[in-house]
Amino acid sequence: MGAVWGLAHDVSRRQVYAAALAKRHVGFGPGDSGAIYRSSIQSPLHTQLLYDFDRQGIATRPKGLQREVATVLGKSAKDAAMYNLIGQISP
């Protein structure tokens, strides 16, 4: 799923919602930077993409952003592209 923020719990439906978060050295999940995910309490490993802001035309990161994120445990990555974006709001 990648880094997430803004967890919400729907008690009656037994669902948990999480929004994607840009964080250095952590990649985005399959929904990329504009994703909101939904997970079931009964089967937390079954997480699905609920909404994608980018697909709706709402930009959630600068165009052409290329990140260097380690995908193999123990491999280092600088992720320099994110350094100047820390603390920024979407473009």
PDB file of N, CA and C in Angstrom:
ATOM      1  N   MET A   1       0.823  -1.185   0.000  1.00  0.00           N
ATOM      2  CA  MET A   1       0.000   0.000   0.000  1.00  0.00           C
ATOM      3  C   MET A   1       0.866   1.247   0.000  1.00  0.00           C
ATOM      4  N   GLY A   2       2.079   1.206   0.485  1.00  0.00           N
ATOM      5  CA  GLY A   2       2.911   2.396   0.547  1.00  0.00           C
ATOM      6  C   GLY A   2       2.656   3.169   1.833  1.00  0.00           C
ATOM      7  N   ALA A   3       3.190   4.374   1.913  1.00  0.00           N
ATOM      8  CA  ALA A   3       2.981   5.217   3.088  1.00  0.00           C
ATOM      9  C   ALA A   3       1.561   5.780   3.063  1.00  0.00           C
ATOM     10  N   VAL A   4       0.884   5.775   4.208  1.00  0.00           N
ATOM     11  CA  VAL A   4      -0.493   6.285   4.292  1.00  0.00           C
ATOM     12  C   VAL A   4      -0.642   7.243   5.461  1.00  0.00           C
ATOM     13  N   TRP A   5      -1.723   8.012   5.418  1.00  0.00           N
ATOM     14  CA  TRP A   5      -2.026   9.005   6.431  1.00  0.00           C
ATOM     15  C   TRP A   5      -3.537   9.171   6.476  1.00  0.00           C
ATOM     16  N   GLY A   6      -4.044   9.659   7.562  1.00  0.00           N
ATOM     17  CA  GLY A   6      -5.469   9.961   7.644  1.00  0.00           C
ATOM     18  C   GLY A   6      -6.345   8.732   7.733  1.00  0.00           C
ATOM     19  N   LEU A   7      -6.049   7.850   8.647  1.00  0.00           N
ATOM     20  CA  LEU A   7      -6.868   6.648   8.801  1.00  0.00           C
ATOM     21  C   LEU A   7      -8.251   6.981   9.343  1.00  0.00           C
ATOM     22  N   ALA A   8      -9.252   6.296   8.813  1.00  0.00           N
ATOM     23  CA  ALA A   8     -10.628   6.450   9.289  1.00  0.00           C
ATOM     24  C   ALA A   8     -11.241   5.061   9.432  1.00  0.00           C
ATOM     25  N   HIS A   9     -12.100   4.899  10.435  1.00  0.00           N
ATOM     26  CA  HIS A   9     -12.714   3.596  10.709  1.00  0.00           C
ATOM     27  C   HIS A   9     -14.224   3.737  10.635  1.00  0.00           C
ATOM     28  N   ASP A  10     -14.853   2.938   9.795  1.00  0.00           N
ATOM     29  CA  ASP A  10     -16.312   2.886   9.689  1.00  0.00           C
ATOM     30  C   ASP A  10     -16.760   1.668  10.491  1.00  0.00           C
ATOM     31  N   VAL A  11     -17.259   1.915  11.697  1.00  0.00           N
ATOM     32  CA  VAL A  11     -17.617   0.834  12.616  1.00  0.00           C
ATOM     33  C   VAL A  11     -18.732  -0.042  12.051  1.00  0.00           C
ATOM     34  N   SER A  12     -19.770   0.571  11.509  1.00  0.00           N
ATOM     35  CA  SER A  12     -20.923  -0.203  11.041  1.00  0.00           C
ATOM     36  C   SER A  12     -20.581  -1.096   9.844  1.00  0.00           C
ATOM     37  N   ARG A  13     -19.718  -0.651   8.961  1.00  0.00           N
ATOM     38  CA  ARG A  13     -19.333  -1.456   7.791  1.00  0.00           C
ATOM     39  C   ARG A  13     -18.066  -2.275   8.031  1.00  0.00           C
ATOM     40  N   ARG A  14     -17.425  -2.056   9.175  1.00  0.00           N
ATOM     41  CA  ARG A  14     -16.179  -2.737   9.544  1.00  0.00           C
ATOM     42  C   ARG A  14     -15.113  -2.556   8.469  1.00  0.00           C
ATOM     43  N   GLN A  15     -14.919  -1.268   8.074  1.00  0.00           N
ATOM     44  CA  GLN A  15     -13.963  -0.887   7.042  1.00  0.00           C
ATOM     45  C   GLN A  15     -12.976   0.126   7.612  1.00  0.00           C
ATOM     46  N   VAL A  16     -11.762   0.118   7.082  1.00  0.00           N
ATOM     47  CA  VAL A  16     -10.745   1.114   7.423  1.00  0.00           C
ATOM     48  C   VAL A  16     -10.340   1.806   6.120  1.00  0.00           C
ATOM     49  N   TYR A  17     -10.226   3.132   6.158  1.00  0.00           N
ATOM     50  CA  TYR A  17      -9.850   3.925   4.992  1.00  0.00           C
ATOM     51  C   TYR A  17      -8.514   4.606   5.271  1.00  0.00           C
ATOM     52  N   ALA A  18      -7.666   4.705   4.247  1.00  0.00           N
ATOM     53  CA  ALA A  18      -6.354   5.328   4.399  1.00  0.00           C
ATOM     54  C   ALA A  18      -6.003   6.090   3.124  1.00  0.00           C
ATOM     55  N   ALA A  19      -5.387   7.247   3.278  1.00  0.00           N
ATOM     56  CA  ALA A  19      -4.976   8.069   2.140  1.00  0.00           C
ATOM     57  C   ALA A  19      -3.470   7.953   1.923  1.00  0.00           C
ATOM     58  N   ALA A  20      -3.060   7.965   0.654  1.00  0.00           N
ATOM     59  CA  ALA A  20      -1.637   7.907   0.309  1.00  0.00           C
ATOM     60  C   ALA A  20      -0.913   9.144   0.841  1.00  0.00           C
ATOM     61  N   LEU A  21       0.337   8.955   1.186  1.00  0.00           N
ATOM     62  CA  LEU A  21       1.166  10.023   1.742  1.00  0.00           C
ATOM     63  C   LEU A  21       2.526   9.997   1.068  1.00  0.00           C
ATOM     64  N   ALA A  22       3.040  11.164   0.690  1.00  0.00           N
ATOM     65  CA  ALA A  22       4.392  11.264   0.135  1.00  0.00           C
ATOM     66  C   ALA A  22       5.372  11.334   1.297  1.00  0.00           C
ATOM     67  N   LYS A  23       6.267  10.373   1.329  1.00  0.00           N
ATOM     68  CA  LYS A  23       7.262  10.299   2.395  1.00  0.00           C
ATOM     69  C   LYS A  23       8.576   9.844   1.775  1.00  0.00           C
ATOM     70  N   ARG A  24       9.655  10.499   2.158  1.00  0.00           N
ATOM     71  CA  ARG A  24      10.956  10.122   1.593  1.00  0.00           C
ATOM     72  C   ARG A  24      11.269   8.663   1.870  1.00  0.00           C
ATOM     73  N   HIS A  25      11.870   8.022   0.891  1.00  0.00           N
ATOM     74  CA  HIS A  25      12.348   6.640   0.961  1.00  0.00           C
ATOM     75  C   HIS A  25      11.226   5.599   1.028  1.00  0.00           C
ATOM     76  N   VAL A  26       9.983   6.016   0.841  1.00  0.00           N
ATOM     77  CA  VAL A  26       8.861   5.077   0.833  1.00  0.00           C
ATOM     78  C   VAL A  26       8.087   5.299  -0.463  1.00  0.00           C
ATOM     79  N   GLY A  27       7.909   4.241  -1.220  1.00  0.00           N
ATOM     80  CA  GLY A  27       7.189   4.353  -2.477  1.00  0.00           C
ATOM     81  C   GLY A  27       5.686   4.457  -2.272  1.00  0.00           C
ATOM     82  N   PHE A  28       4.998   4.815  -3.348  1.00  0.00           N
ATOM     83  CA  PHE A  28       3.540   4.853  -3.328  1.00  0.00           C
ATOM     84  C   PHE A  28       3.008   3.456  -3.617  1.00  0.00           C
ATOM     85  N   GLY A  29       1.790   3.217  -3.220  1.00  0.00           N
ATOM     86  CA  GLY A  29       1.147   1.947  -3.512  1.00  0.00           C
ATOM     87  C   GLY A  29       0.657   1.909  -4.942  1.00  0.00           C
ATOM     88  N   PRO A  30      -0.138   0.904  -5.300  1.00  0.00           N
ATOM     89  CA  PRO A  30      -0.603   0.748  -6.677  1.00  0.00           C
ATOM     90  C   PRO A  30      -1.479   1.903  -7.162  1.00  0.00           C
ATOM     91  N   GLY A  31      -2.083   2.646  -6.247  1.00  0.00           N
ATOM     92  CA  GLY A  31      -2.914   3.782  -6.635  1.00  0.00           C
ATOM     93  C   GLY A  31      -2.136   5.068  -6.782  1.00  0.00           C
ATOM     94  N   ASP A  32      -0.830   5.036  -6.571  1.00  0.00           N
ATOM     95  CA  ASP A  32       0.063   6.175  -6.691  1.00  0.00           C
ATOM     96  C   ASP A  32      -0.255   7.249  -5.648  1.00  0.00           C
ATOM     97  N   SER A  33       0.089   8.486  -5.925  1.00  0.00           N
ATOM     98  CA  SER A  33       0.039   9.542  -4.912  1.00  0.00           C
ATOM     99  C   SER A  33      -1.359  10.049  -4.589  1.00  0.00           C
ATOM    100  N   GLY A  34      -2.321   9.830  -5.456  1.00  0.00           N
ATOM    101  CA  GLY A  34      -3.668  10.353  -5.228  1.00  0.00           C
ATOM    102  C   GLY A  34      -4.668   9.329  -4.745  1.00  0.00           C
ATOM    103  N   ALA A  35      -4.195   8.292  -4.089  1.00  0.00           N
ATOM    104  CA  ALA A  35      -5.059   7.154  -3.756  1.00  0.00           C
ATOM    105  C   ALA A  35      -5.694   7.235  -2.373  1.00  0.00           C
ATOM    106  N   ILE A  36      -6.904   6.726  -2.301  1.00  0.00           N
ATOM    107  CA  ILE A  36      -7.553   6.424  -1.028  1.00  0.00           C
ATOM    108  C   ILE A  36      -7.875   4.935  -1.079  1.00  0.00           C
ATOM    109  N   TYR A  37      -7.452   4.218  -0.042  1.00  0.00           N
ATOM    110  CA  TYR A  37      -7.614   2.771   0.020  1.00  0.00           C
ATOM    111  C   TYR A  37      -8.673   2.386   1.042  1.00  0.00           C
ATOM    112  N   ARG A  38      -9.290   1.216   0.815  1.00  0.00           N
ATOM    113  CA  ARG A  38     -10.269   0.677   1.754  1.00  0.00           C
ATOM    114  C   ARG A  38      -9.872  -0.763   2.092  1.00  0.00           C
ATOM    115  N   SER A  39      -9.888  -1.069   3.390  1.00  0.00           N
ATOM    116  CA  SER A  39      -9.586  -2.426   3.860  1.00  0.00           C
ATOM    117  C   SER A  39     -10.714  -2.904   4.750  1.00  0.00           C
ATOM    118  N   SER A  40     -10.967  -4.182   4.692  1.00  0.00           N
ATOM    119  CA  SER A  40     -11.973  -4.796   5.540  1.00  0.00           C
ATOM    120  C   SER A  40     -11.329  -5.234   6.851  1.00  0.00           C
ATOM    121  N   ILE A  41     -12.031  -5.048   7.962  1.00  0.00           N
ATOM    122  CA  ILE A  41     -11.526  -5.493   9.260  1.00  0.00           C
ATOM    123  C   ILE A  41     -11.429  -7.025   9.271  1.00  0.00           C
ATOM    124  N   GLN A  42     -12.387  -7.701   8.617  1.00  0.00           N
ATOM    125  CA  GLN A  42     -12.388  -9.159   8.600  1.00  0.00           C
ATOM    126  C   GLN A  42     -11.204  -9.723   7.819  1.00  0.00           C
ATOM    127  N   SER A  43     -10.792  -9.053   6.754  1.00  0.00           N
ATOM    128  CA  SER A  43      -9.659  -9.531   5.942  1.00  0.00           C
ATOM    129  C   SER A  43      -8.763  -8.349   5.589  1.00  0.00           C
ATOM    130  N   PRO A  44      -7.916  -7.899   6.529  1.00  0.00           N
ATOM    131  CA  PRO A  44      -7.097  -6.702   6.319  1.00  0.00           C
ATOM    132  C   PRO A  44      -6.088  -6.819   5.183  1.00  0.00           C
ATOM    133  N   LEU A  45      -5.764  -8.036   4.753  1.00  0.00           N
ATOM    134  CA  LEU A  45      -4.831  -8.187   3.642  1.00  0.00           C
ATOM    135  C   LEU A  45      -5.493  -7.917   2.297  1.00  0.00           C
ATOM    136  N   HIS A  46      -6.817  -7.825   2.299  1.00  0.00           N
ATOM    137  CA  HIS A  46      -7.552  -7.526   1.072  1.00  0.00           C
ATOM    138  C   HIS A  46      -7.855  -6.025   1.051  1.00  0.00           C
ATOM    139  N   THR A  47      -6.897  -5.251   0.564  1.00  0.00           N
ATOM    140  CA  THR A  47      -7.039  -3.802   0.465  1.00  0.00           C
ATOM    141  C   THR A  47      -7.287  -3.445  -0.987  1.00  0.00           C
ATOM    142  N   GLN A  48      -8.229  -2.544  -1.210  1.00  0.00           N
ATOM    143  CA  GLN A  48      -8.532  -2.143  -2.581  1.00  0.00           C
ATOM    144  C   GLN A  48      -8.471  -0.634  -2.738  1.00  0.00           C
ATOM    145  N   LEU A  49      -8.199  -0.202  -3.957  1.00  0.00           N
ATOM    146  CA  LEU A  49      -8.192   1.214  -4.288  1.00  0.00           C
ATOM    147  C   LEU A  49      -9.641   1.690  -4.337  1.00  0.00           C
ATOM    148  N   LEU A  50      -9.970   2.642  -3.491  1.00  0.00           N
ATOM    149  CA  LEU A  50     -11.336   3.161  -3.439  1.00  0.00           C
ATOM    150  C   LEU A  50     -11.504   4.360  -4.369  1.00  0.00           C
ATOM    151  N   TYR A  51     -10.511   5.265  -4.368  1.00  0.00           N
ATOM    152  CA  TYR A  51     -10.609   6.496  -5.160  1.00  0.00           C
ATOM    153  C   TYR A  51      -9.218   6.940  -5.561  1.00  0.00           C
ATOM    154  N   ASP A  52      -9.092   7.501  -6.760  1.00  0.00           N
ATOM    155  CA  ASP A  52      -7.812   8.004  -7.258  1.00  0.00           C
ATOM    156  C   ASP A  52      -8.014   9.427  -7.774  1.00  0.00           C
ATOM    157  N   PHE A  53      -7.510  10.401  -7.031  1.00  0.00           N
ATOM    158  CA  PHE A  53      -7.672  11.803  -7.414  1.00  0.00           C
ATOM    159  C   PHE A  53      -7.022  12.108  -8.754  1.00  0.00           C
ATOM    160  N   ASP A  54      -5.855  11.521  -9.033  1.00  0.00           N
ATOM    161  CA  ASP A  54      -5.165  11.770 -10.299  1.00  0.00           C
ATOM    162  C   ASP A  54      -6.011  11.340 -11.496  1.00  0.00           C
ATOM    163  N   ARG A  55      -6.684  10.222 -11.392  1.00  0.00           N
ATOM    164  CA  ARG A  55      -7.548   9.749 -12.487  1.00  0.00           C
ATOM    165  C   ARG A  55      -8.737  10.670 -12.708  1.00  0.00           C
ATOM    166  N   GLN A  56      -9.094  11.430 -11.693  1.00  0.00           N
ATOM    167  CA  GLN A  56     -10.202  12.377 -11.807  1.00  0.00           C
ATOM    168  C   GLN A  56      -9.737  13.750 -12.260  1.00  0.00           C
ATOM    169  N   GLY A  57      -8.432  13.868 -12.590  1.00  0.00           N
ATOM    170  CA  GLY A  57      -7.889  15.136 -13.084  1.00  0.00           C
ATOM    171  C   GLY A  57      -7.415  16.083 -12.000  1.00  0.00           C
ATOM    172  N   ILE A  58      -7.315  15.616 -10.773  1.00  0.00           N
ATOM    173  CA  ILE A  58      -6.838  16.445  -9.667  1.00  0.00           C
ATOM    174  C   ILE A  58      -5.390  16.049  -9.382  1.00  0.00           C
ATOM    175  N   ALA A  59      -4.450  16.915  -9.753  1.00  0.00           N
ATOM    176  CA  ALA A  59      -3.020  16.601  -9.614  1.00  0.00           C
ATOM    177  C   ALA A  59      -2.629  16.515  -8.143  1.00  0.00           C
ATOM    178  N   THR A  60      -1.910  15.459  -7.798  1.00  0.00           N
ATOM    179  CA  THR A  60      -1.472  15.278  -6.418  1.00  0.00           C
ATOM    180  C   THR A  60       0.043  15.321  -6.271  1.00  0.00           C
ATOM    181  N   ARG A  61       0.754  15.521  -7.380  1.00  0.00           N
ATOM    182  CA  ARG A  61       2.210  15.686  -7.335  1.00  0.00           C
ATOM    183  C   ARG A  61       2.665  16.353  -8.623  1.00  0.00           C
ATOM    184  N   PRO A  62       3.875  16.933  -8.619  1.00  0.00           N
ATOM    185  CA  PRO A  62       4.366  17.603  -9.830  1.00  0.00           C
ATOM    186  C   PRO A  62       4.480  16.640 -11.011  1.00  0.00           C
ATOM    187  N   LYS A  63       4.174  17.124 -12.206  1.00  0.00           N
ATOM    188  CA  LYS A  63       4.286  16.290 -13.407  1.00  0.00           C
ATOM    189  C   LYS A  63       5.739  15.889 -13.629  1.00  0.00           C
ATOM    190  N   GLY A  64       5.935  14.660 -14.038  1.00  0.00           N
ATOM    191  CA  GLY A  64       7.267  14.185 -14.366  1.00  0.00           C
ATOM    192  C   GLY A  64       8.165  13.877 -13.181  1.00  0.00           C
ATOM    193  N   LEU A  65       7.621  13.843 -11.987  1.00  0.00           N
ATOM    194  CA  LEU A  65       8.430  13.560 -10.797  1.00  0.00           C
ATOM    195  C   LEU A  65       8.989  12.145 -10.883  1.00  0.00           C
ATOM    196  N   GLN A  66      10.304  12.037 -10.885  1.00  0.00           N
ATOM    197  CA  GLN A  66      10.982  10.743 -10.925  1.00  0.00           C
ATOM    198  C   GLN A  66      11.665  10.522  -9.582  1.00  0.00           C
ATOM    199  N   ARG A  67      11.272   9.471  -8.882  1.00  0.00           N
ATOM    200  CA  ARG A  67      11.820   9.196  -7.562  1.00  0.00           C
ATOM    201  C   ARG A  67      12.762   8.005  -7.593  1.00  0.00           C
ATOM    202  N   GLU A  68      13.761   8.031  -6.707  1.00  0.00           N
ATOM    203  CA  GLU A  68      14.688   6.918  -6.544  1.00  0.00           C
ATOM    204  C   GLU A  68      14.382   6.284  -5.188  1.00  0.00           C
ATOM    205  N   VAL A  69      13.581   5.232  -5.216  1.00  0.00           N
ATOM    206  CA  VAL A  69      13.171   4.555  -3.993  1.00  0.00           C
ATOM    207  C   VAL A  69      13.679   3.121  -4.054  1.00  0.00           C
ATOM    208  N   ALA A  70      14.321   2.673  -2.975  1.00  0.00           N
ATOM    209  CA  ALA A  70      14.834   1.305  -2.937  1.00  0.00           C
ATOM    210  C   ALA A  70      13.684   0.316  -2.923  1.00  0.00           C
ATOM    211  N   THR A  71      13.753  -0.678  -3.774  1.00  0.00           N
ATOM    212  CA  THR A  71      12.720  -1.714  -3.811  1.00  0.00           C
ATOM    213  C   THR A  71      13.246  -3.046  -3.285  1.00  0.00           C
ATOM    214  N   VAL A  72      14.533  -3.078  -2.977  1.00  0.00           N
ATOM    215  CA  VAL A  72      15.152  -4.285  -2.445  1.00  0.00           C
ATOM    216  C   VAL A  72      15.679  -3.973  -1.049  1.00  0.00           C
ATOM    217  N   LEU A  73      15.349  -4.824  -0.097  1.00  0.00           N
ATOM    218  CA  LEU A  73      15.790  -4.637   1.284  1.00  0.00           C
ATOM    219  C   LEU A  73      17.315  -4.549   1.339  1.00  0.00           C
ATOM    220  N   GLY A  74      17.811  -3.516   1.985  1.00  0.00           N
ATOM    221  CA  GLY A  74      19.250  -3.330   2.135  1.00  0.00           C
ATOM    222  C   GLY A  74      19.883  -2.464   1.066  1.00  0.00           C
ATOM    223  N   LYS A  75      19.153  -2.157  -0.005  1.00  0.00           N
ATOM    224  CA  LYS A  75      19.680  -1.299  -1.063  1.00  0.00           C
ATOM    225  C   LYS A  75      19.365   0.154  -0.705  1.00  0.00           C
ATOM    226  N   SER A  76      20.364   1.016  -0.797  1.00  0.00           N
ATOM    227  CA  SER A  76      20.151   2.419  -0.433  1.00  0.00           C
ATOM    228  C   SER A  76      19.613   3.207  -1.626  1.00  0.00           C
ATOM    229  N   ALA A  77      18.930   4.304  -1.318  1.00  0.00           N
ATOM    230  CA  ALA A  77      18.399   5.210  -2.329  1.00  0.00           C
ATOM    231  C   ALA A  77      18.355   6.610  -1.735  1.00  0.00           C
ATOM    232  N   LYS A  78      18.687   7.607  -2.526  1.00  0.00           N
ATOM    233  CA  LYS A  78      18.720   8.989  -2.026  1.00  0.00           C
ATOM    234  C   LYS A  78      17.345   9.645  -2.018  1.00  0.00           C
ATOM    235  N   ASP A  79      16.496   9.310  -2.972  1.00  0.00           N
ATOM    236  CA  ASP A  79      15.163   9.906  -3.108  1.00  0.00           C
ATOM    237  C   ASP A  79      15.247  11.431  -3.080  1.00  0.00           C
ATOM    238  N   ALA A  80      16.232  11.968  -3.802  1.00  0.00           N
ATOM    239  CA  ALA A  80      16.501  13.412  -3.809  1.00  0.00           C
ATOM    240  C   ALA A  80      15.330  14.233  -4.330  1.00  0.00           C
ATOM    241  N   ALA A  81      14.521  13.678  -5.218  1.00  0.00           N
ATOM    242  CA  ALA A  81      13.394  14.424  -5.785  1.00  0.00           C
ATOM    243  C   ALA A  81      12.395  14.849  -4.717  1.00  0.00           C
ATOM    244  N   MET A  82      12.271  14.074  -3.651  1.00  0.00           N
ATOM    245  CA  MET A  82      11.311  14.399  -2.595  1.00  0.00           C
ATOM    246  C   MET A  82      11.838  15.433  -1.606  1.00  0.00           C
ATOM    247  N   TYR A  83      13.138  15.644  -1.571  1.00  0.00           N
ATOM    248  CA  TYR A  83      13.734  16.514  -0.556  1.00  0.00           C
ATOM    249  C   TYR A  83      13.109  17.905  -0.538  1.00  0.00           C
ATOM    250  N   ASN A  84      12.969  18.540  -1.700  1.00  0.00           N
ATOM    251  CA  ASN A  84      12.409  19.892  -1.760  1.00  0.00           C
ATOM    252  C   ASN A  84      10.891  19.928  -1.658  1.00  0.00           C
ATOM    253  N   LEU A  85      10.249  18.768  -1.680  1.00  0.00           N
ATOM    254  CA  LEU A  85       8.787  18.720  -1.618  1.00  0.00           C
ATOM    255  C   LEU A  85       8.252  18.445  -0.227  1.00  0.00           C
ATOM    256  N   ILE A  86       9.147  18.184   0.717  1.00  0.00           N
ATOM    257  CA  ILE A  86       8.716  17.889   2.092  1.00  0.00           C
ATOM    258  C   ILE A  86       7.952  19.089   2.660  1.00  0.00           C
ATOM    259  N   GLY A  87       6.789  18.823   3.208  1.00  0.00           N
ATOM    260  CA  GLY A  87       5.983  19.876   3.806  1.00  0.00           C
ATOM    261  C   GLY A  87       5.178  20.693   2.810  1.00  0.00           C
ATOM    262  N   GLN A  88       5.198  20.314   1.556  1.00  0.00           N
ATOM    263  CA  GLN A  88       4.460  21.042   0.524  1.00  0.00           C
ATOM    264  C   GLN A  88       3.056  20.465   0.366  1.00  0.00           C
ATOM    265  N   ILE A  89       2.159  21.302  -0.090  1.00  0.00           N
ATOM    266  CA  ILE A  89       0.815  20.864  -0.423  1.00  0.00           C
ATOM    267  C   ILE A  89       0.806  20.537  -1.915  1.00  0.00           C
ATOM    268  N   SER A  90      -0.078  19.681  -2.347  1.00  0.00           N
ATOM    269  CA  SER A  90      -0.160  19.285  -3.758  1.00  0.00           C
ATOM    270  C   SER A  90      -0.098  20.495  -4.669  1.00  0.00           C
ATOM    271  N   PRO A  91       0.473  20.301  -5.890  1.00  0.00           N
ATOM    272  CA  PRO A  91       0.637  21.414  -6.841  1.00  0.00           C
ATOM    273  C   PRO A  91      -0.667  22.046  -7.245  1.00  0.00           C
TER     274      PRO A  91
END
